[in-house]
Amino acid sequence: MGTLKVVRVTDGRLLFPFDGAEEIGPFDTREAAKSAATLRGREIVQADLRSPEL
């Protein structure tokens, strides 16, 4: 079982998981889990780019 972790490269800030973050999964296949994690990670990065918390 894996865990999604998204870290802002410029300052090392952990964007996900955060307190109260929803769980992702479980999934039936490894491919489904990787696809969902990739999509969620992209959503988190895009949201941070639109409105970064300092």
C-alpha atoms as a PDB file:
ATOM      1  CA  MET A   1       0.000   0.000   0.000  1.00  0.00           C
ATOM      2  CA  GLY A   2       1.394   3.368  -0.981  1.00  0.00           C
ATOM      3  CA  THR A   3       0.808   6.900   0.190  1.00  0.00           C
ATOM      4  CA  LEU A   4       0.588  10.011  -1.972  1.00  0.00           C
ATOM      5  CA  LYS A   5       3.002  12.728  -0.919  1.00  0.00           C
ATOM      6  CA  VAL A   6       3.229  16.076  -2.732  1.00  0.00           C
ATOM      7  CA  VAL A   7       6.089  18.406  -1.798  1.00  0.00           C
ATOM      8  CA  ARG A   8       6.661  21.888  -3.211  1.00  0.00           C
ATOM      9  CA  VAL A   9      10.129  21.784  -4.775  1.00  0.00           C
ATOM     10  CA  THR A  10      11.033  25.448  -4.250  1.00  0.00           C
ATOM     11  CA  ASP A  11      10.754  25.419  -0.460  1.00  0.00           C
ATOM     12  CA  GLY A  12      10.156  21.793   0.525  1.00  0.00           C
ATOM     13  CA  ARG A  13       6.692  22.470   1.936  1.00  0.00           C
ATOM     14  CA  LEU A  14       4.485  19.389   2.244  1.00  0.00           C
ATOM     15  CA  LEU A  15       1.285  20.054   0.277  1.00  0.00           C
ATOM     16  CA  PHE A  16      -0.271  16.614   0.711  1.00  0.00           C
ATOM     17  CA  PRO A  17      -1.145  14.854   2.913  1.00  0.00           C
ATOM     18  CA  PHE A  18      -2.298  17.515   5.359  1.00  0.00           C
ATOM     19  CA  ASP A  19      -4.381  17.312   8.518  1.00  0.00           C
ATOM     20  CA  GLY A  20      -7.905  16.372   7.531  1.00  0.00           C
ATOM     21  CA  ALA A  21      -6.966  15.253   4.005  1.00  0.00           C
ATOM     22  CA  GLU A  22      -9.205  12.572   2.543  1.00  0.00           C
ATOM     23  CA  GLU A  23      -7.813   9.114   1.908  1.00  0.00           C
ATOM     24  CA  ILE A  24      -7.290   8.030  -1.682  1.00  0.00           C
ATOM     25  CA  GLY A  25      -8.445   4.514  -2.458  1.00  0.00           C
ATOM     26  CA  PRO A  26      -8.389   1.624  -1.954  1.00  0.00           C
ATOM     27  CA  PHE A  27      -8.173   0.471  -5.570  1.00  0.00           C
ATOM     28  CA  ASP A  28      -8.494  -2.915  -7.233  1.00  0.00           C
ATOM     29  CA  THR A  29      -5.330  -2.609  -9.314  1.00  0.00           C
ATOM     30  CA  ARG A  30      -1.938  -0.970  -9.098  1.00  0.00           C
ATOM     31  CA  GLU A  31      -2.634   0.896 -12.346  1.00  0.00           C
ATOM     32  CA  ALA A  32      -5.865   2.368 -10.978  1.00  0.00           C
ATOM     33  CA  ALA A  33      -4.076   3.513  -7.833  1.00  0.00           C
ATOM     34  CA  LYS A  34      -1.233   5.110  -9.799  1.00  0.00           C
ATOM     35  CA  SER A  35      -3.676   6.847 -12.128  1.00  0.00           C
ATOM     36  CA  ALA A  36      -5.726   8.249  -9.239  1.00  0.00           C
ATOM     37  CA  ALA A  37      -2.594   9.395  -7.386  1.00  0.00           C
ATOM     38  CA  THR A  38      -1.250  11.102 -10.509  1.00  0.00           C
ATOM     39  CA  LEU A  39      -4.545  12.900 -11.089  1.00  0.00           C
ATOM     40  CA  ARG A  40      -4.851  13.995  -7.444  1.00  0.00           C
ATOM     41  CA  GLY A  41      -1.223  15.130  -7.382  1.00  0.00           C
ATOM     42  CA  ARG A  42      -1.742  17.250 -10.489  1.00  0.00           C
ATOM     43  CA  GLU A  43      -4.863  18.800  -8.945  1.00  0.00           C
ATOM     44  CA  ILE A  44      -2.927  19.688  -5.795  1.00  0.00           C
ATOM     45  CA  VAL A  45      -0.045  21.227  -7.756  1.00  0.00           C
ATOM     46  CA  GLN A  46      -2.392  23.254  -9.980  1.00  0.00           C
ATOM     47  CA  ALA A  47      -4.279  24.553  -6.950  1.00  0.00           C
ATOM     48  CA  ASP A  48      -0.996  25.535  -5.296  1.00  0.00           C
ATOM     49  CA  LEU A  49       0.166  27.333  -8.429  1.00  0.00           C
ATOM     50  CA  ARG A  50      -3.097  29.290  -8.600  1.00  0.00           C
ATOM     51  CA  SER A  51      -3.068  30.235  -4.929  1.00  0.00           C
ATOM     52  CA  PRO A  52       0.121  29.352  -3.037  1.00  0.00           C
ATOM     53  CA  GLU A  53       0.085  29.475   0.737  1.00  0.00           C
ATOM     54  CA  LEU A  54       3.225  30.966   2.165  1.00  0.00           C
END
